[in-house]
Amino acid sequence: MIQNHIKKEYNFVKNPGSISKLANQIRNIEACPVQLVENYIKRISIADSSVNAWVSVDAQGALETAECLKKEASKGIIRGPLHGIPIGIKDIIDVAGWPTKCNSPTRSNIAPANADAEIVSILKSKGAIIIGKCHTTEFAYFNPSPACNPHNIKHTPGGSSSGPAAAVASGTVPGSIGTQTIASVNRPAAYCGIGAFKPSIGVGANYGVTPLSPMFDTVGFYGWSVADAVALFEATQKITIKKDSHKNEQSVRLVILEDNFFDQTNPEILSARDIIAEKLSSSGYNVSYLKSPISLETLSQTQMLMVEFELSRIHANLLEFDVEEVSEKLREAISRGGNFTENDYLLARNQMEKTRELFFSNFNTTDIFLIPTTPDTAPEGLKWTGDPRFIAPWTALGGPIISLPGGKDQSGMPIGFMLAGFPGDDINFGRVSCQLEEKLINS
């Protein structure tokens, strides 16, 4: 049995509840949106002075919305699958009436947004209650936010969606919205021990989201479990996509991808991976250990060149601010990206597309990949958001990525894995991933 050596006063983890179960209870008048909001506000008052997941919370506004949704539910009026569910929003995403500060001194006096981002508008239309905004790294790059890891507040929660992940893991909200450009959804989920869904590139709603690198920027979804994250993702889809009857748990092959890129992975993480593989194999799944047909490390480097080229054009004006207003990390990235030519970028983009084609041509469309999210669990200290190397190439490959909690290490910190699928297969991939999670829970 893994021993948890984390001192009680450092641990603020709490299950916030299942999104689907809460929504069903509200629909059946077995739960009250007002009571839910009050409970989460109370939890924020207890935990967030230590966890620092939230930039701001609108308790009054959330309660007023909850009261309206309560009355509607009592009359049988249900706006959608998120009716009465409180949600947290990463603070690079516009919410009407609130400033989008992006954790940057350059935006300390920015005016409130005059319109909701598209994802926020969708959430509201489905009945969600926006309870507040959550911390982000500076402009969703690598300079840390004030957020801490609820499993041990002396450790990083990752980045850039540090606040949304920490908010869910600390029990202050059942679901939250983040974004991923390199590793910004899946790494915080792994470090905080919760579920997450990063859709395929191009799937989702990016209007009203402060850009970093539009080629890769993707809105992502957090919940306590894989099932919660998938439920939140599915609830926000503007078009219902029918499930492919040819893709189900019987036809899935789970591919454990091997590459020297993973050589420095903590043995505890590799052992946990093999335990998951054995459990799923014993449950009847086809599990195969296969070598990667591409260099994941090279793809990661290609992606970083493209990200820095794009962010250097989008955020070039930040170099005009005083040194103390823009972090050294972001300044250096803007400068590096500014040295890349358009030809460098186009060549990198072409190479990435060829690499994607080569990679997926070596596998079946029913394959799901299981990969360690990070080389190690969340590092101690809050000045570094952790290692994004393992996630970046999967973001570049463009398909959906799910964060699967995988137990804890000897110190009690969460171990996280990624399930990755084919680009565009988000709905089917999400549902099969929920089946995988259920098998692991019940095995």
Protein backbone atom coordinates (compact mmCIF):
# COMPACT_ATOMS: atom_id res chain seq x y z
CA MET A 1 0.00 0.00 0.00
CA ILE A 2 1.28 3.47 -0.90
CA GLN A 3 1.94 5.56 2.16
CA ASN A 4 0.77 9.15 2.15
CA HIS A 5 3.38 11.25 3.90
CA ILE A 6 1.72 14.60 3.21
CA LYS A 7 0.94 16.55 6.34
CA LYS A 8 -2.76 17.10 6.90
CA GLU A 9 -2.38 20.86 7.03
CA TYR A 10 -0.92 20.83 3.50
CA ASN A 11 -3.68 18.70 1.94
CA PHE A 12 -6.91 20.31 0.71
CA VAL A 13 -8.23 17.62 -1.64
CA LYS A 14 -11.97 17.05 -1.75
CA ASN A 15 -14.26 15.36 -4.27
CA PRO A 16 -16.62 18.13 -5.51
CA GLY A 17 -19.19 15.65 -6.81
CA SER A 18 -20.14 14.20 -10.18
CA ILE A 19 -21.38 16.66 -12.80
CA SER A 20 -23.81 14.16 -14.32
CA LYS A 21 -25.20 13.01 -10.98
CA LEU A 22 -25.65 16.56 -9.72
CA ALA A 23 -27.37 17.57 -12.96
CA ASN A 24 -29.75 14.59 -12.71
CA GLN A 25 -30.53 15.43 -9.09
CA ILE A 26 -31.36 19.02 -10.04
CA ARG A 27 -33.52 17.82 -12.92
CA ASN A 28 -35.41 15.52 -10.55
CA ILE A 29 -35.71 18.24 -7.84
CA GLU A 30 -33.51 16.13 -5.56
CA ALA A 31 -30.86 18.85 -5.37
CA CYS A 32 -31.09 22.64 -5.35
CA PRO A 33 -28.80 24.92 -7.42
CA VAL A 34 -28.87 27.53 -4.64
CA GLN A 35 -27.73 25.02 -2.04
CA LEU A 36 -25.01 23.79 -4.38
CA VAL A 37 -23.64 27.30 -4.91
CA GLU A 38 -23.76 27.98 -1.16
CA ASN A 39 -21.84 24.76 -0.48
CA TYR A 40 -19.11 25.59 -3.00
CA ILE A 41 -18.81 29.17 -1.76
CA LYS A 42 -18.37 27.79 1.75
CA ARG A 43 -15.72 25.35 0.51
CA ILE A 44 -13.89 28.21 -1.23
CA SER A 45 -13.86 30.15 2.05
CA ILE A 46 -12.28 27.14 3.78
CA ALA A 47 -9.75 25.98 1.19
CA ASP A 48 -8.83 28.81 -1.11
CA SER A 49 -6.83 30.93 1.31
CA SER A 50 -4.31 28.07 1.07
CA VAL A 51 -4.88 26.73 -2.46
CA ASN A 52 -5.30 30.10 -4.25
CA ALA A 53 -7.16 28.63 -7.21
CA TRP A 54 -9.53 31.59 -7.65
CA VAL A 55 -8.81 35.08 -8.98
CA SER A 56 -12.31 36.26 -8.12
CA VAL A 57 -15.64 34.78 -7.07
CA ASP A 58 -19.04 36.35 -7.69
CA ALA A 59 -21.04 34.79 -4.86
CA GLN A 60 -23.97 37.18 -5.18
CA GLY A 61 -24.24 36.85 -8.95
CA ALA A 62 -23.93 33.05 -8.76
CA LEU A 63 -26.65 32.84 -6.11
CA GLU A 64 -28.98 35.07 -8.14
CA THR A 65 -28.49 32.86 -11.20
CA ALA A 66 -28.96 29.75 -9.07
CA GLU A 67 -32.24 31.08 -7.70
CA CYS A 68 -33.51 31.65 -11.24
CA LEU A 69 -32.46 28.14 -12.31
CA LYS A 70 -34.07 26.67 -9.19
CA LYS A 71 -37.41 28.24 -10.11
CA GLU A 72 -37.12 27.01 -13.70
CA ALA A 73 -36.34 23.44 -12.57
CA SER A 74 -39.37 23.47 -10.26
CA LYS A 75 -41.52 24.21 -13.34
CA GLY A 76 -39.87 21.48 -15.39
CA ILE A 77 -37.83 23.96 -17.43
CA ILE A 78 -34.30 22.62 -17.93
CA ARG A 79 -31.99 24.71 -20.08
CA GLY A 80 -29.59 21.87 -20.80
CA PRO A 81 -27.35 19.15 -19.33
CA LEU A 82 -25.55 21.65 -17.06
CA HIS A 83 -28.66 23.21 -15.52
CA GLY A 84 -27.61 24.51 -12.10
CA ILE A 85 -23.99 23.28 -12.27
CA PRO A 86 -21.37 25.79 -11.01
CA ILE A 87 -18.32 26.18 -13.27
CA GLY A 88 -14.97 27.96 -12.92
CA ILE A 89 -13.35 29.81 -15.85
CA LYS A 90 -9.63 30.25 -16.55
CA ASP A 91 -8.75 33.93 -16.49
CA ILE A 92 -7.66 34.19 -20.11
CA ILE A 93 -11.30 33.62 -21.14
CA ASP A 94 -13.71 36.56 -21.31
CA VAL A 95 -16.71 36.64 -19.00
CA ALA A 96 -18.93 39.68 -19.49
CA GLY A 97 -18.57 42.19 -16.67
CA TRP A 98 -15.23 40.81 -15.42
CA PRO A 99 -11.73 41.88 -16.45
CA THR A 100 -9.58 39.28 -18.22
CA LYS A 101 -6.26 39.89 -16.46
CA CYS A 102 -4.27 36.88 -17.71
CA ASN A 103 -2.18 37.04 -14.51
CA SER A 104 -0.25 39.98 -15.95
CA PRO A 105 0.57 43.38 -14.43
CA THR A 106 0.13 44.80 -17.93
CA ARG A 107 -3.60 44.15 -17.51
CA SER A 108 -4.00 45.33 -13.93
CA ASN A 109 -6.29 48.16 -15.02
CA ILE A 110 -7.98 46.51 -17.98
CA ALA A 111 -11.70 47.20 -18.38
CA PRO A 112 -14.22 44.40 -17.83
CA ALA A 113 -15.07 42.31 -20.88
CA ASN A 114 -18.21 43.57 -22.60
CA ALA A 115 -19.22 40.13 -23.90
CA ASP A 116 -18.84 36.48 -22.99
CA ALA A 117 -16.36 34.27 -24.78
CA GLU A 118 -18.09 31.73 -27.00
CA ILE A 119 -17.44 28.86 -24.57
CA VAL A 120 -18.91 30.89 -21.69
CA SER A 121 -21.99 31.72 -23.73
CA ILE A 122 -22.44 28.03 -24.53
CA LEU A 123 -22.06 27.06 -20.89
CA LYS A 124 -24.68 29.59 -19.81
CA SER A 125 -27.07 28.44 -22.53
CA LYS A 126 -26.75 24.88 -21.19
CA GLY A 127 -27.66 26.06 -17.69
CA ALA A 128 -24.22 26.40 -16.09
CA ILE A 129 -23.56 28.93 -13.34
CA ILE A 130 -20.29 30.85 -13.70
CA ILE A 131 -19.12 31.04 -10.12
CA GLY A 132 -15.80 32.79 -10.70
CA LYS A 133 -12.51 33.05 -12.56
CA CYS A 134 -9.50 30.86 -11.84
CA HIS A 135 -5.79 31.63 -11.89
CA THR A 136 -3.60 31.13 -14.94
CA THR A 137 0.08 31.46 -15.64
CA GLU A 138 1.04 34.76 -17.26
CA PHE A 139 -0.77 34.87 -20.63
CA ALA A 140 -1.00 31.05 -20.39
CA TYR A 141 2.77 30.70 -20.81
CA PHE A 142 5.22 29.36 -18.20
CA ASN A 143 5.46 32.04 -15.52
CA PRO A 144 3.57 30.51 -12.54
CA SER A 145 0.31 31.67 -11.03
CA PRO A 146 -0.32 31.90 -7.26
CA ALA A 147 -2.23 28.58 -7.31
CA CYS A 148 -0.99 25.61 -5.26
CA ASN A 149 -1.50 21.87 -5.55
CA PRO A 150 -4.38 20.74 -3.30
CA HIS A 151 -2.61 17.42 -2.61
CA ASN A 152 0.28 19.36 -1.09
CA ILE A 153 0.24 23.14 -1.23
CA LYS A 154 4.04 23.19 -1.23
CA HIS A 155 3.94 21.65 -4.73
CA THR A 156 3.01 23.16 -8.09
CA PRO A 157 -0.40 22.40 -9.61
CA GLY A 158 1.18 22.72 -13.07
CA GLY A 159 0.34 25.25 -15.73
CA SER A 160 -1.04 27.09 -17.43
CA SER A 161 -4.52 26.05 -16.29
CA SER A 162 -3.32 25.85 -12.70
CA GLY A 163 -6.36 27.52 -11.14
CA PRO A 164 -9.10 25.53 -12.91
CA ALA A 165 -7.45 22.21 -12.02
CA ALA A 166 -6.75 23.19 -8.42
CA ALA A 167 -10.32 24.49 -8.05
CA VAL A 168 -11.78 21.09 -8.94
CA ALA A 169 -9.22 19.08 -6.95
CA SER A 170 -9.85 21.17 -3.83
CA GLY A 171 -13.60 20.54 -4.02
CA THR A 172 -14.55 24.16 -4.70
CA VAL A 173 -16.36 23.50 -8.00
CA PRO A 174 -17.41 20.33 -9.87
CA GLY A 175 -16.15 21.45 -13.27
CA SER A 176 -13.95 24.10 -14.81
CA ILE A 177 -12.66 25.35 -18.13
CA GLY A 178 -8.99 25.66 -19.07
CA THR A 179 -7.01 25.90 -22.29
CA GLN A 180 -4.09 23.99 -23.80
CA THR A 181 -1.45 25.19 -26.22
CA ILE A 182 1.43 22.95 -25.18
CA ALA A 183 0.53 21.06 -21.99
CA SER A 184 -1.75 23.41 -20.13
CA VAL A 185 -4.76 21.16 -19.48
CA ASN A 186 -3.28 17.69 -19.15
CA ARG A 187 -0.33 18.54 -16.93
CA PRO A 188 -2.38 20.29 -14.19
CA ALA A 189 -4.87 17.40 -14.31
CA ALA A 190 -2.07 14.88 -13.79
CA TYR A 191 -0.45 16.86 -10.99
CA CYS A 192 -3.78 17.47 -9.25
CA GLY A 193 -5.09 13.91 -9.70
CA ILE A 194 -8.29 14.73 -11.60
CA GLY A 195 -9.85 14.04 -15.01
CA ALA A 196 -9.54 16.30 -18.04
CA PHE A 197 -10.50 16.35 -21.70
CA LYS A 198 -8.48 18.27 -24.30
CA PRO A 199 -10.39 18.05 -27.60
CA SER A 200 -8.87 17.75 -31.05
CA ILE A 201 -7.32 20.93 -32.43
CA GLY A 202 -10.06 22.91 -34.14
CA VAL A 203 -12.86 21.37 -32.09
CA GLY A 204 -14.47 23.82 -29.71
CA ALA A 205 -14.99 27.52 -29.23
CA ASN A 206 -11.98 29.85 -29.12
CA TYR A 207 -13.64 33.23 -29.68
CA GLY A 208 -13.08 35.42 -26.63
CA VAL A 209 -10.05 33.42 -25.45
CA THR A 210 -6.82 35.43 -25.20
CA PRO A 211 -4.59 33.77 -27.81
CA LEU A 212 -1.10 32.38 -27.28
CA SER A 213 -0.62 30.29 -30.41
CA PRO A 214 -3.85 29.98 -32.44
CA MET A 215 -2.58 26.93 -34.30
CA PHE A 216 -2.77 24.93 -31.06
CA ASP A 217 -4.94 26.91 -28.59
CA THR A 218 -7.76 24.62 -27.48
CA VAL A 219 -10.41 24.98 -24.79
CA GLY A 220 -10.30 22.04 -22.35
CA PHE A 221 -12.51 20.62 -19.62
CA TYR A 222 -11.91 19.53 -16.01
CA GLY A 223 -13.89 17.27 -13.71
CA TRP A 224 -13.13 15.03 -10.75
CA SER A 225 -13.09 11.97 -13.03
CA VAL A 226 -12.70 11.19 -16.73
CA ALA A 227 -16.48 10.73 -16.88
CA ASP A 228 -17.03 14.23 -15.43
CA ALA A 229 -14.63 15.88 -17.88
CA VAL A 230 -16.20 14.04 -20.83
CA ALA A 231 -19.70 14.98 -19.64
CA LEU A 232 -18.70 18.65 -19.51
CA PHE A 233 -17.15 18.45 -22.98
CA GLU A 234 -20.19 16.71 -24.49
CA ALA A 235 -22.57 19.19 -22.87
CA THR A 236 -20.87 22.09 -24.64
CA GLN A 237 -20.88 20.67 -28.16
CA LYS A 238 -22.98 22.75 -30.51
CA ILE A 239 -23.79 19.79 -32.77
CA THR A 240 -24.60 16.35 -31.43
CA ILE A 241 -22.35 13.80 -33.13
CA LYS A 242 -23.69 10.28 -33.33
CA LYS A 243 -21.63 7.51 -31.78
CA ASP A 244 -19.77 5.34 -34.30
CA SER A 245 -21.11 1.83 -33.84
CA HIS A 246 -17.84 0.42 -35.20
CA LYS A 247 -15.87 1.83 -32.29
CA ASN A 248 -16.62 0.25 -28.94
CA GLU A 249 -14.67 -1.28 -26.14
CA GLN A 250 -14.48 -4.66 -27.87
CA SER A 251 -12.78 -3.20 -30.96
CA VAL A 252 -10.31 -0.98 -29.10
CA ARG A 253 -6.61 -1.75 -28.95
CA LEU A 254 -4.76 -0.04 -26.13
CA VAL A 255 -1.31 0.92 -27.39
CA ILE A 256 1.44 1.41 -24.80
CA LEU A 257 3.78 3.56 -26.82
CA GLU A 258 7.49 3.00 -26.28
CA ASP A 259 10.08 5.63 -27.16
CA ASN A 260 13.47 6.63 -25.74
CA PHE A 261 11.75 9.95 -25.04
CA PHE A 262 10.36 8.23 -21.93
CA ASP A 263 13.71 6.91 -20.66
CA GLN A 264 13.87 9.37 -17.76
CA THR A 265 10.38 8.56 -16.48
CA ASN A 266 10.15 7.82 -12.75
CA PRO A 267 10.02 4.00 -12.36
CA GLU A 268 6.98 4.38 -10.09
CA ILE A 269 5.07 5.93 -13.00
CA LEU A 270 6.10 3.19 -15.42
CA SER A 271 5.09 0.57 -12.85
CA ALA A 272 1.68 2.23 -12.45
CA ARG A 273 1.32 2.27 -16.24
CA ASP A 274 2.01 -1.45 -16.45
CA ILE A 275 -0.52 -2.14 -13.67
CA ILE A 276 -3.17 -0.27 -15.67
CA ALA A 277 -2.23 -2.21 -18.80
CA GLU A 278 -2.45 -5.55 -16.95
CA LYS A 279 -5.84 -4.69 -15.45
CA LEU A 280 -7.28 -3.76 -18.84
CA SER A 281 -5.73 -6.82 -20.47
CA SER A 282 -7.32 -9.00 -17.80
CA SER A 283 -10.64 -7.28 -18.54
CA GLY A 284 -10.47 -8.44 -22.14
CA TYR A 285 -8.83 -5.50 -23.88
CA ASN A 286 -6.18 -5.96 -26.56
CA VAL A 287 -3.07 -4.33 -25.06
CA SER A 288 0.05 -3.92 -27.19
CA TYR A 289 3.47 -2.43 -26.43
CA LEU A 290 4.63 -0.78 -29.66
CA LYS A 291 7.49 1.50 -30.64
CA SER A 292 6.72 5.01 -31.86
CA PRO A 293 7.19 5.40 -35.64
CA ILE A 294 8.28 9.01 -35.14
CA SER A 295 10.60 10.91 -32.83
CA LEU A 296 8.35 12.41 -30.18
CA GLU A 297 11.18 14.63 -28.97
CA THR A 298 11.69 16.12 -32.45
CA LEU A 299 7.95 16.74 -32.79
CA SER A 300 7.95 18.49 -29.42
CA GLN A 301 10.74 20.79 -30.60
CA THR A 302 8.89 21.52 -33.84
CA GLN A 303 5.78 22.44 -31.92
CA MET A 304 7.66 24.80 -29.63
CA LEU A 305 9.15 26.66 -32.62
CA MET A 306 5.66 27.18 -34.03
CA VAL A 307 4.22 28.30 -30.69
CA GLU A 308 6.98 30.84 -30.11
CA PHE A 309 6.72 32.17 -33.68
CA GLU A 310 2.99 32.81 -33.21
CA LEU A 311 3.15 34.20 -29.67
CA SER A 312 5.99 36.55 -30.67
CA ARG A 313 3.71 38.14 -33.29
CA ILE A 314 0.63 38.23 -31.04
CA HIS A 315 2.39 39.58 -27.93
CA ALA A 316 5.20 41.64 -29.46
CA ASN A 317 3.85 44.76 -27.71
CA LEU A 318 4.68 43.26 -24.30
CA LEU A 319 8.37 44.04 -24.92
CA GLU A 320 7.42 47.73 -24.71
CA PHE A 321 6.42 47.39 -21.04
CA ASP A 322 8.78 47.82 -18.10
CA VAL A 323 10.85 44.77 -17.15
CA GLU A 324 8.97 44.24 -13.88
CA GLU A 325 5.65 44.06 -15.73
CA VAL A 326 6.51 41.14 -18.03
CA SER A 327 8.30 38.02 -16.84
CA GLU A 328 11.72 37.08 -18.13
CA LYS A 329 10.35 33.76 -19.41
CA LEU A 330 7.77 35.44 -21.61
CA ARG A 331 10.19 38.13 -22.80
CA GLU A 332 12.71 35.48 -23.83
CA ALA A 333 10.03 33.48 -25.69
CA ILE A 334 8.89 36.59 -27.59
CA SER A 335 12.51 37.38 -28.51
CA ARG A 336 13.25 33.81 -29.64
CA GLY A 337 10.08 33.66 -31.68
CA GLY A 338 10.89 36.97 -33.28
CA ASN A 339 14.09 35.46 -34.67
CA PHE A 340 12.15 32.78 -36.56
CA THR A 341 11.24 33.72 -40.12
CA GLU A 342 7.94 33.01 -41.82
CA ASN A 343 9.79 30.41 -43.89
CA ASP A 344 11.01 28.71 -40.69
CA TYR A 345 7.43 28.58 -39.48
CA LEU A 346 5.98 27.24 -42.73
CA LEU A 347 8.66 24.56 -42.98
CA ALA A 348 7.96 23.53 -39.38
CA ARG A 349 4.24 23.43 -40.03
CA ASN A 350 4.72 21.31 -43.14
CA GLN A 351 7.01 18.95 -41.26
CA MET A 352 4.50 18.63 -38.43
CA GLU A 353 1.71 17.72 -40.83
CA LYS A 354 3.86 15.07 -42.50
CA THR A 355 4.81 13.69 -39.09
CA ARG A 356 1.15 13.46 -38.09
CA GLU A 357 0.34 11.56 -41.28
CA LEU A 358 3.26 9.17 -40.76
CA PHE A 359 2.37 8.54 -37.14
CA PHE A 360 -1.32 7.76 -37.58
CA SER A 361 -0.74 5.71 -40.75
CA ASN A 362 1.03 3.15 -38.56
CA PHE A 363 -2.01 2.52 -36.35
CA ASN A 364 -5.65 1.50 -36.51
CA THR A 365 -8.37 4.12 -36.16
CA THR A 366 -9.68 2.18 -33.14
CA ASP A 367 -6.36 2.46 -31.29
CA ILE A 368 -6.11 4.45 -28.07
CA PHE A 369 -2.68 5.37 -26.76
CA LEU A 370 -1.66 5.23 -23.09
CA ILE A 371 1.27 7.48 -22.19
CA PRO A 372 2.77 8.94 -19.00
CA THR A 373 1.75 12.59 -18.73
CA THR A 374 4.98 13.75 -17.11
CA PRO A 375 8.37 12.24 -16.21
CA ASP A 376 7.57 12.64 -12.51
CA THR A 377 4.81 13.75 -10.18
CA ALA A 378 4.29 17.43 -9.30
CA PRO A 379 7.63 18.91 -8.16
CA GLU A 380 7.95 20.76 -4.89
CA GLY A 381 8.03 24.54 -5.12
CA LEU A 382 5.88 27.13 -6.86
CA LYS A 383 8.45 28.80 -9.11
CA TRP A 384 8.23 26.13 -11.81
CA THR A 385 5.12 24.62 -13.35
CA GLY A 386 6.74 21.28 -14.13
CA ASP A 387 7.88 19.39 -17.21
CA PRO A 388 5.64 19.61 -20.33
CA ARG A 389 7.81 17.47 -22.64
CA PHE A 390 5.68 14.34 -22.76
CA ILE A 391 2.45 16.22 -23.53
CA ALA A 392 3.67 18.62 -26.23
CA PRO A 393 4.01 16.06 -29.06
CA TRP A 394 0.50 14.76 -28.42
CA THR A 395 -0.86 18.28 -28.60
CA ALA A 396 1.03 18.64 -31.90
CA LEU A 397 -0.43 15.38 -33.23
CA GLY A 398 -3.77 17.13 -32.95
CA GLY A 399 -6.08 14.47 -31.53
CA PRO A 400 -8.13 14.41 -28.33
CA ILE A 401 -6.31 13.78 -25.06
CA ILE A 402 -7.83 12.61 -21.81
CA SER A 403 -6.15 12.83 -18.42
CA LEU A 404 -6.54 9.56 -16.52
CA PRO A 405 -5.69 9.53 -12.79
CA GLY A 406 -3.34 6.62 -12.11
CA GLY A 407 -2.86 6.38 -8.35
CA LYS A 408 -0.18 8.01 -6.22
CA ASP A 409 3.55 7.76 -5.71
CA GLN A 410 5.28 6.87 -2.44
CA SER A 411 5.04 10.46 -1.23
CA GLY A 412 1.29 10.58 -1.84
CA MET A 413 1.36 12.80 -4.92
CA PRO A 414 -0.89 11.90 -7.90
CA ILE A 415 0.39 9.93 -10.89
CA GLY A 416 -1.28 10.89 -14.15
CA PHE A 417 -1.57 9.30 -17.58
CA MET A 418 -2.85 10.41 -20.95
CA LEU A 419 -5.20 8.55 -23.22
CA ALA A 420 -4.82 9.89 -26.76
CA GLY A 421 -6.94 9.30 -29.84
CA PHE A 422 -7.22 10.03 -33.55
CA PRO A 423 -7.95 13.65 -34.56
CA GLY A 424 -11.66 14.33 -34.90
CA ASP A 425 -12.80 11.19 -33.08
CA ASP A 426 -13.59 13.11 -29.91
CA ILE A 427 -17.07 11.84 -29.08
CA ASN A 428 -16.30 8.16 -29.60
CA PHE A 429 -12.90 8.47 -27.96
CA GLY A 430 -14.40 10.18 -24.92
CA ARG A 431 -17.05 7.54 -24.42
CA VAL A 432 -14.63 4.63 -24.80
CA SER A 433 -12.24 6.34 -22.36
CA CYS A 434 -15.07 6.47 -19.83
CA GLN A 435 -15.51 2.71 -20.30
CA LEU A 436 -11.78 2.20 -19.70
CA GLU A 437 -11.96 4.27 -16.52
CA GLU A 438 -14.94 2.28 -15.29
CA LYS A 439 -13.13 -1.02 -15.91
CA LEU A 440 -10.14 0.21 -13.92
CA ILE A 441 -12.33 1.38 -11.03
CA ASN A 442 -14.12 -1.95 -10.89
CA SER A 443 -11.09 -4.19 -11.42
